[in-house]
Amino acid sequence: MTTLTTPRGEVLPVQSEDDVVRVRQAVRQCALAVGFSLVDQTKLVTAASELARNVLVHGHGGQVRLDVLASPRIGIQLVFEDHGPGIPDLDRALQEGFSTGGGLGLGLSGSRRLMNEFRIQSQPGDTRVTVIKWKA
């Protein structure tokens, strides 16, 4: 993995559990550099971890793009992409407690709650989740 030298446009692979850890570290480093509060850093890292794990487990690997937004507000945008089977029923997948992997079913719905903006597009072969956290 490339060391995060700038928080703009960093693309991180998500192909292994180690990559999930690297995504969390890069997001935390970026949030700290931008000046997010400890609470918001935790929200960003938690959502990033959940979404990266989904890319790995359900999408069979992919990537995340990390960008700092500054127009005029400061924020961090994360775009998670995979080329797995897609999410057949988005409404159901976003329901609290729904899980296809035997977990608590808080990954997508929990990440949506932690972020200020949440968009998801999915079809077979292409799933993209875009989240933004704005600096308070």
N, C-alpha and C. Protein backbone atom coordinates (compact mmCIF):
# COMPACT_ATOMS: atom_id res chain seq x y z
N MET A 1 0.84 -1.18 0.00
CA MET A 1 0.00 0.00 0.00
C MET A 1 0.88 1.24 0.00
N THR A 2 0.41 2.26 -0.68
CA THR A 2 1.10 3.54 -0.72
C THR A 2 0.85 4.29 0.58
N THR A 3 1.89 4.88 1.13
CA THR A 3 1.72 5.70 2.32
C THR A 3 0.91 6.93 1.96
N LEU A 4 0.00 7.29 2.82
CA LEU A 4 -0.85 8.46 2.57
C LEU A 4 -0.01 9.71 2.71
N THR A 5 0.35 10.30 1.58
CA THR A 5 1.14 11.52 1.59
C THR A 5 0.26 12.74 1.45
N THR A 6 -0.89 12.57 0.85
CA THR A 6 -1.86 13.64 0.71
C THR A 6 -3.24 13.05 0.86
N PRO A 7 -4.14 13.74 1.51
CA PRO A 7 -5.46 13.17 1.68
C PRO A 7 -6.36 13.34 0.46
N ARG A 8 -5.81 13.77 -0.66
CA ARG A 8 -6.63 13.97 -1.86
C ARG A 8 -6.39 12.85 -2.87
N GLY A 9 -7.44 12.13 -3.18
CA GLY A 9 -7.39 11.17 -4.27
C GLY A 9 -6.63 9.89 -4.00
N GLU A 10 -6.41 9.55 -2.78
CA GLU A 10 -5.71 8.30 -2.44
C GLU A 10 -6.63 7.12 -2.75
N VAL A 11 -6.15 6.16 -3.52
CA VAL A 11 -6.91 4.96 -3.82
C VAL A 11 -6.24 3.80 -3.10
N LEU A 12 -7.02 3.12 -2.29
CA LEU A 12 -6.51 2.03 -1.47
C LEU A 12 -7.16 0.71 -1.88
N PRO A 13 -6.37 -0.34 -2.08
CA PRO A 13 -6.96 -1.63 -2.41
C PRO A 13 -7.64 -2.25 -1.20
N VAL A 14 -8.65 -3.05 -1.45
CA VAL A 14 -9.31 -3.83 -0.40
C VAL A 14 -9.38 -5.26 -0.91
N GLN A 15 -8.29 -6.01 -0.66
CA GLN A 15 -8.18 -7.38 -1.15
C GLN A 15 -7.94 -8.38 -0.01
N SER A 16 -7.71 -7.86 1.21
CA SER A 16 -7.40 -8.74 2.34
C SER A 16 -7.79 -8.04 3.64
N GLU A 17 -7.78 -8.79 4.72
CA GLU A 17 -8.04 -8.21 6.05
C GLU A 17 -7.00 -7.14 6.38
N ASP A 18 -5.77 -7.35 5.95
CA ASP A 18 -4.73 -6.34 6.18
C ASP A 18 -5.07 -5.03 5.48
N ASP A 19 -5.67 -5.13 4.30
CA ASP A 19 -6.08 -3.92 3.59
C ASP A 19 -7.18 -3.18 4.35
N VAL A 20 -8.08 -3.91 4.99
CA VAL A 20 -9.14 -3.27 5.79
C VAL A 20 -8.49 -2.47 6.91
N VAL A 21 -7.48 -3.03 7.55
CA VAL A 21 -6.75 -2.31 8.60
C VAL A 21 -6.08 -1.07 8.02
N ARG A 22 -5.47 -1.19 6.85
CA ARG A 22 -4.80 -0.04 6.21
C ARG A 22 -5.80 1.06 5.85
N VAL A 23 -6.99 0.67 5.42
CA VAL A 23 -8.03 1.66 5.12
C VAL A 23 -8.38 2.42 6.39
N ARG A 24 -8.59 1.71 7.48
CA ARG A 24 -8.91 2.38 8.76
C ARG A 24 -7.80 3.35 9.15
N GLN A 25 -6.56 2.91 9.03
CA GLN A 25 -5.42 3.77 9.39
C GLN A 25 -5.35 5.01 8.52
N ALA A 26 -5.55 4.84 7.21
CA ALA A 26 -5.48 5.97 6.29
C ALA A 26 -6.61 6.97 6.55
N VAL A 27 -7.81 6.46 6.83
CA VAL A 27 -8.95 7.33 7.12
C VAL A 27 -8.71 8.09 8.42
N ARG A 28 -8.20 7.40 9.44
CA ARG A 28 -7.92 8.08 10.70
C ARG A 28 -6.85 9.16 10.51
N GLN A 29 -5.79 8.85 9.78
CA GLN A 29 -4.71 9.81 9.52
C GLN A 29 -5.24 11.02 8.77
N CYS A 30 -6.09 10.80 7.79
CA CYS A 30 -6.66 11.89 7.01
C CYS A 30 -7.57 12.75 7.88
N ALA A 31 -8.44 12.12 8.67
CA ALA A 31 -9.36 12.86 9.54
C ALA A 31 -8.60 13.70 10.55
N LEU A 32 -7.52 13.17 11.08
CA LEU A 32 -6.69 13.90 12.02
C LEU A 32 -6.03 15.09 11.33
N ALA A 33 -5.50 14.86 10.13
CA ALA A 33 -4.82 15.93 9.38
C ALA A 33 -5.77 17.07 9.03
N VAL A 34 -7.02 16.74 8.76
CA VAL A 34 -8.01 17.74 8.39
C VAL A 34 -8.57 18.46 9.62
N GLY A 35 -8.41 17.87 10.80
CA GLY A 35 -8.85 18.51 12.03
C GLY A 35 -10.20 18.07 12.55
N PHE A 36 -10.64 16.86 12.19
CA PHE A 36 -11.89 16.33 12.72
C PHE A 36 -11.75 16.05 14.21
N SER A 37 -12.84 16.21 14.94
CA SER A 37 -12.85 15.89 16.36
C SER A 37 -12.63 14.39 16.55
N LEU A 38 -12.28 13.99 17.75
CA LEU A 38 -12.06 12.57 18.05
C LEU A 38 -13.34 11.78 17.80
N VAL A 39 -14.48 12.33 18.16
CA VAL A 39 -15.76 11.64 17.94
C VAL A 39 -15.99 11.43 16.44
N ASP A 40 -15.79 12.47 15.63
CA ASP A 40 -15.99 12.33 14.19
C ASP A 40 -14.94 11.44 13.54
N GLN A 41 -13.71 11.45 14.06
CA GLN A 41 -12.69 10.52 13.57
C GLN A 41 -13.17 9.09 13.78
N THR A 42 -13.73 8.83 14.95
CA THR A 42 -14.21 7.49 15.29
C THR A 42 -15.37 7.08 14.37
N LYS A 43 -16.27 8.01 14.10
CA LYS A 43 -17.39 7.72 13.20
C LYS A 43 -16.88 7.39 11.80
N LEU A 44 -15.94 8.18 11.31
CA LEU A 44 -15.37 7.94 9.98
C LEU A 44 -14.67 6.59 9.91
N VAL A 45 -13.86 6.29 10.90
CA VAL A 45 -13.10 5.04 10.90
C VAL A 45 -14.04 3.84 11.03
N THR A 46 -15.07 3.97 11.85
CA THR A 46 -16.02 2.88 12.03
C THR A 46 -16.76 2.59 10.72
N ALA A 47 -17.27 3.64 10.08
CA ALA A 47 -17.96 3.46 8.80
C ALA A 47 -17.02 2.89 7.75
N ALA A 48 -15.80 3.41 7.68
CA ALA A 48 -14.82 2.93 6.70
C ALA A 48 -14.52 1.45 6.92
N SER A 49 -14.39 1.05 8.15
CA SER A 49 -14.10 -0.34 8.47
C SER A 49 -15.25 -1.25 8.04
N GLU A 50 -16.47 -0.85 8.35
CA GLU A 50 -17.64 -1.65 7.98
C GLU A 50 -17.77 -1.76 6.46
N LEU A 51 -17.62 -0.65 5.77
CA LEU A 51 -17.80 -0.65 4.33
C LEU A 51 -16.66 -1.38 3.61
N ALA A 52 -15.44 -1.23 4.10
CA ALA A 52 -14.31 -1.96 3.52
C ALA A 52 -14.49 -3.46 3.71
N ARG A 53 -14.96 -3.85 4.88
CA ARG A 53 -15.21 -5.28 5.13
C ARG A 53 -16.29 -5.81 4.19
N ASN A 54 -17.33 -5.00 3.93
CA ASN A 54 -18.35 -5.42 2.97
C ASN A 54 -17.76 -5.63 1.58
N VAL A 55 -16.88 -4.71 1.16
CA VAL A 55 -16.22 -4.83 -0.14
C VAL A 55 -15.44 -6.15 -0.20
N LEU A 56 -14.74 -6.46 0.87
CA LEU A 56 -13.93 -7.67 0.92
C LEU A 56 -14.79 -8.93 0.93
N VAL A 57 -15.75 -8.98 1.85
CA VAL A 57 -16.52 -10.20 2.07
C VAL A 57 -17.58 -10.42 1.00
N HIS A 58 -18.37 -9.40 0.71
CA HIS A 58 -19.50 -9.57 -0.21
C HIS A 58 -19.14 -9.23 -1.66
N GLY A 59 -18.19 -8.32 -1.85
CA GLY A 59 -17.80 -7.93 -3.20
C GLY A 59 -16.57 -8.64 -3.70
N HIS A 60 -15.98 -9.48 -2.84
CA HIS A 60 -14.79 -10.26 -3.21
C HIS A 60 -13.60 -9.37 -3.55
N GLY A 61 -13.52 -8.22 -2.86
CA GLY A 61 -12.41 -7.30 -3.04
C GLY A 61 -12.77 -6.14 -3.93
N GLY A 62 -12.01 -5.08 -3.79
CA GLY A 62 -12.25 -3.87 -4.58
C GLY A 62 -11.30 -2.78 -4.13
N GLN A 63 -11.82 -1.58 -4.00
CA GLN A 63 -10.98 -0.45 -3.61
C GLN A 63 -11.81 0.62 -2.94
N VAL A 64 -11.11 1.56 -2.30
CA VAL A 64 -11.75 2.74 -1.74
C VAL A 64 -10.93 3.95 -2.16
N ARG A 65 -11.63 5.00 -2.53
CA ARG A 65 -10.98 6.27 -2.87
C ARG A 65 -11.26 7.24 -1.73
N LEU A 66 -10.23 7.89 -1.25
CA LEU A 66 -10.29 8.82 -0.13
C LEU A 66 -10.00 10.22 -0.65
N ASP A 67 -10.95 11.13 -0.47
CA ASP A 67 -10.79 12.51 -0.93
C ASP A 67 -11.16 13.48 0.17
N VAL A 68 -10.45 14.59 0.23
CA VAL A 68 -10.82 15.71 1.09
C VAL A 68 -11.59 16.70 0.23
N LEU A 69 -12.75 17.11 0.72
CA LEU A 69 -13.58 18.09 0.03
C LEU A 69 -13.41 19.43 0.72
N ALA A 70 -13.36 20.49 -0.05
CA ALA A 70 -13.20 21.82 0.52
C ALA A 70 -13.86 22.86 -0.38
N SER A 71 -15.19 22.84 -0.41
CA SER A 71 -15.85 23.80 -1.29
C SER A 71 -17.29 24.09 -0.84
N PRO A 72 -17.58 24.98 0.01
CA PRO A 72 -16.68 25.71 0.90
C PRO A 72 -16.45 24.96 2.21
N ARG A 73 -17.29 23.95 2.49
CA ARG A 73 -17.13 23.18 3.72
C ARG A 73 -15.99 22.18 3.57
N ILE A 74 -15.44 21.77 4.70
CA ILE A 74 -14.39 20.75 4.73
C ILE A 74 -15.06 19.41 5.04
N GLY A 75 -14.71 18.41 4.28
CA GLY A 75 -15.26 17.09 4.51
C GLY A 75 -14.34 16.02 3.97
N ILE A 76 -14.67 14.79 4.30
CA ILE A 76 -13.96 13.63 3.77
C ILE A 76 -14.98 12.78 3.05
N GLN A 77 -14.64 12.44 1.81
CA GLN A 77 -15.48 11.57 1.00
C GLN A 77 -14.75 10.25 0.79
N LEU A 78 -15.48 9.16 0.97
CA LEU A 78 -14.96 7.82 0.73
C LEU A 78 -15.86 7.15 -0.29
N VAL A 79 -15.25 6.59 -1.33
CA VAL A 79 -16.01 5.88 -2.36
C VAL A 79 -15.50 4.44 -2.38
N PHE A 80 -16.36 3.51 -1.99
CA PHE A 80 -16.04 2.09 -1.95
C PHE A 80 -16.60 1.44 -3.20
N GLU A 81 -15.76 0.69 -3.91
CA GLU A 81 -16.20 0.04 -5.15
C GLU A 81 -15.77 -1.42 -5.17
N ASP A 82 -16.66 -2.26 -5.69
CA ASP A 82 -16.30 -3.65 -5.95
C ASP A 82 -17.02 -4.10 -7.21
N HIS A 83 -16.60 -5.24 -7.71
CA HIS A 83 -17.18 -5.79 -8.94
C HIS A 83 -17.77 -7.16 -8.66
N GLY A 84 -18.34 -7.30 -7.45
CA GLY A 84 -18.95 -8.55 -7.03
C GLY A 84 -20.35 -8.73 -7.56
N PRO A 85 -21.15 -9.54 -6.89
CA PRO A 85 -22.48 -9.90 -7.39
C PRO A 85 -23.52 -8.79 -7.28
N GLY A 86 -23.21 -7.71 -6.58
CA GLY A 86 -24.18 -6.64 -6.40
C GLY A 86 -25.11 -6.93 -5.23
N ILE A 87 -25.95 -5.98 -4.93
CA ILE A 87 -26.92 -6.10 -3.83
C ILE A 87 -28.30 -6.17 -4.48
N PRO A 88 -28.94 -7.34 -4.45
CA PRO A 88 -30.19 -7.50 -5.18
C PRO A 88 -31.35 -6.65 -4.65
N ASP A 89 -31.39 -6.40 -3.35
CA ASP A 89 -32.50 -5.64 -2.77
C ASP A 89 -31.92 -4.57 -1.84
N LEU A 90 -31.66 -3.39 -2.40
CA LEU A 90 -31.03 -2.31 -1.63
C LEU A 90 -31.88 -1.88 -0.43
N ASP A 91 -33.17 -1.76 -0.62
CA ASP A 91 -34.03 -1.34 0.49
C ASP A 91 -33.90 -2.30 1.67
N ARG A 92 -33.93 -3.57 1.39
CA ARG A 92 -33.81 -4.58 2.46
C ARG A 92 -32.41 -4.55 3.07
N ALA A 93 -31.38 -4.40 2.23
CA ALA A 93 -30.01 -4.39 2.72
C ALA A 93 -29.74 -3.20 3.64
N LEU A 94 -30.48 -2.12 3.45
CA LEU A 94 -30.30 -0.93 4.29
C LEU A 94 -31.15 -0.95 5.56
N GLN A 95 -31.95 -1.98 5.73
CA GLN A 95 -32.76 -2.10 6.95
C GLN A 95 -31.87 -2.51 8.12
N GLU A 96 -32.11 -1.87 9.23
CA GLU A 96 -31.41 -2.21 10.47
C GLU A 96 -31.65 -3.68 10.80
N GLY A 97 -30.59 -4.42 11.04
CA GLY A 97 -30.71 -5.82 11.43
C GLY A 97 -30.68 -6.82 10.29
N PHE A 98 -30.72 -6.35 9.04
CA PHE A 98 -30.66 -7.28 7.91
C PHE A 98 -29.22 -7.69 7.67
N SER A 99 -28.98 -9.00 7.55
CA SER A 99 -27.64 -9.50 7.31
C SER A 99 -27.69 -10.72 6.42
N THR A 100 -26.77 -10.78 5.46
CA THR A 100 -26.62 -11.99 4.65
C THR A 100 -25.44 -12.81 5.13
N GLY A 101 -24.65 -12.23 6.03
CA GLY A 101 -23.43 -12.90 6.47
C GLY A 101 -23.48 -13.38 7.91
N GLY A 102 -24.63 -13.37 8.54
CA GLY A 102 -24.74 -13.86 9.91
C GLY A 102 -24.31 -12.85 10.96
N GLY A 103 -24.03 -11.61 10.55
CA GLY A 103 -23.64 -10.59 11.51
C GLY A 103 -24.86 -9.90 12.12
N LEU A 104 -24.61 -8.76 12.74
CA LEU A 104 -25.68 -8.02 13.40
C LEU A 104 -26.52 -7.20 12.42
N GLY A 105 -26.08 -7.08 11.20
CA GLY A 105 -26.84 -6.33 10.21
C GLY A 105 -26.76 -4.83 10.43
N LEU A 106 -25.61 -4.35 10.88
CA LEU A 106 -25.44 -2.92 11.14
C LEU A 106 -24.46 -2.26 10.18
N GLY A 107 -23.87 -3.00 9.27
CA GLY A 107 -22.85 -2.47 8.38
C GLY A 107 -23.33 -1.30 7.54
N LEU A 108 -24.26 -1.55 6.62
CA LEU A 108 -24.74 -0.48 5.75
C LEU A 108 -25.59 0.53 6.51
N SER A 109 -26.55 0.04 7.29
CA SER A 109 -27.43 0.97 8.01
C SER A 109 -26.66 1.77 9.06
N GLY A 110 -25.73 1.12 9.74
CA GLY A 110 -24.92 1.82 10.74
C GLY A 110 -24.02 2.85 10.11
N SER A 111 -23.41 2.50 8.98
CA SER A 111 -22.54 3.45 8.28
C SER A 111 -23.35 4.65 7.80
N ARG A 112 -24.55 4.40 7.33
CA ARG A 112 -25.41 5.50 6.88
C ARG A 112 -25.71 6.46 8.03
N ARG A 113 -25.95 5.93 9.21
CA ARG A 113 -26.23 6.77 10.39
C ARG A 113 -25.02 7.58 10.82
N LEU A 114 -23.82 7.04 10.65
CA LEU A 114 -22.61 7.71 11.13
C LEU A 114 -22.13 8.84 10.22
N MET A 115 -22.57 8.82 8.98
CA MET A 115 -22.09 9.79 8.00
C MET A 115 -23.16 10.85 7.73
N ASN A 116 -22.74 11.99 7.17
CA ASN A 116 -23.69 13.04 6.81
C ASN A 116 -24.39 12.76 5.48
N GLU A 117 -23.68 12.13 4.57
CA GLU A 117 -24.24 11.79 3.27
C GLU A 117 -23.89 10.34 2.95
N PHE A 118 -24.84 9.66 2.31
CA PHE A 118 -24.67 8.23 2.01
C PHE A 118 -25.41 7.94 0.71
N ARG A 119 -24.69 7.44 -0.28
CA ARG A 119 -25.29 7.05 -1.55
C ARG A 119 -24.80 5.65 -1.91
N ILE A 120 -25.70 4.87 -2.45
CA ILE A 120 -25.32 3.52 -2.86
C ILE A 120 -25.94 3.22 -4.22
N GLN A 121 -25.13 2.64 -5.08
CA GLN A 121 -25.56 2.17 -6.39
C GLN A 121 -25.07 0.74 -6.51
N SER A 122 -25.94 -0.14 -6.96
CA SER A 122 -25.50 -1.53 -7.08
C SER A 122 -26.23 -2.24 -8.20
N GLN A 123 -25.46 -2.98 -8.94
CA GLN A 123 -25.96 -3.91 -9.95
C GLN A 123 -24.92 -5.01 -10.04
N PRO A 124 -25.26 -6.15 -10.58
CA PRO A 124 -24.26 -7.21 -10.70
C PRO A 124 -23.00 -6.71 -11.39
N GLY A 125 -21.87 -6.91 -10.75
CA GLY A 125 -20.59 -6.51 -11.31
C GLY A 125 -20.13 -5.12 -10.94
N ASP A 126 -20.97 -4.35 -10.26
CA ASP A 126 -20.57 -2.98 -9.92
C ASP A 126 -21.40 -2.44 -8.75
N THR A 127 -20.77 -2.36 -7.60
CA THR A 127 -21.39 -1.74 -6.43
C THR A 127 -20.51 -0.58 -6.00
N ARG A 128 -21.14 0.55 -5.74
CA ARG A 128 -20.42 1.75 -5.31
C ARG A 128 -21.18 2.38 -4.15
N VAL A 129 -20.47 2.58 -3.05
CA VAL A 129 -21.02 3.25 -1.89
C VAL A 129 -20.18 4.51 -1.66
N THR A 130 -20.85 5.66 -1.67
CA THR A 130 -20.18 6.94 -1.46
C THR A 130 -20.69 7.54 -0.17
N VAL A 131 -19.76 7.87 0.72
CA VAL A 131 -20.13 8.49 2.00
C VAL A 131 -19.32 9.76 2.20
N ILE A 132 -19.94 10.71 2.86
CA ILE A 132 -19.26 11.98 3.18
C ILE A 132 -19.52 12.32 4.63
N LYS A 133 -18.48 12.73 5.32
CA LYS A 133 -18.58 13.29 6.67
C LYS A 133 -18.07 14.71 6.59
N TRP A 134 -18.91 15.67 6.99
CA TRP A 134 -18.53 17.07 7.00
C TRP A 134 -17.97 17.45 8.35
N LYS A 135 -16.97 18.30 8.34
CA LYS A 135 -16.36 18.78 9.57
C LYS A 135 -17.32 19.76 10.24
N ALA A 136 -17.54 19.53 11.52
CA ALA A 136 -18.47 20.40 12.28
C ALA A 136 -17.84 21.73 12.59
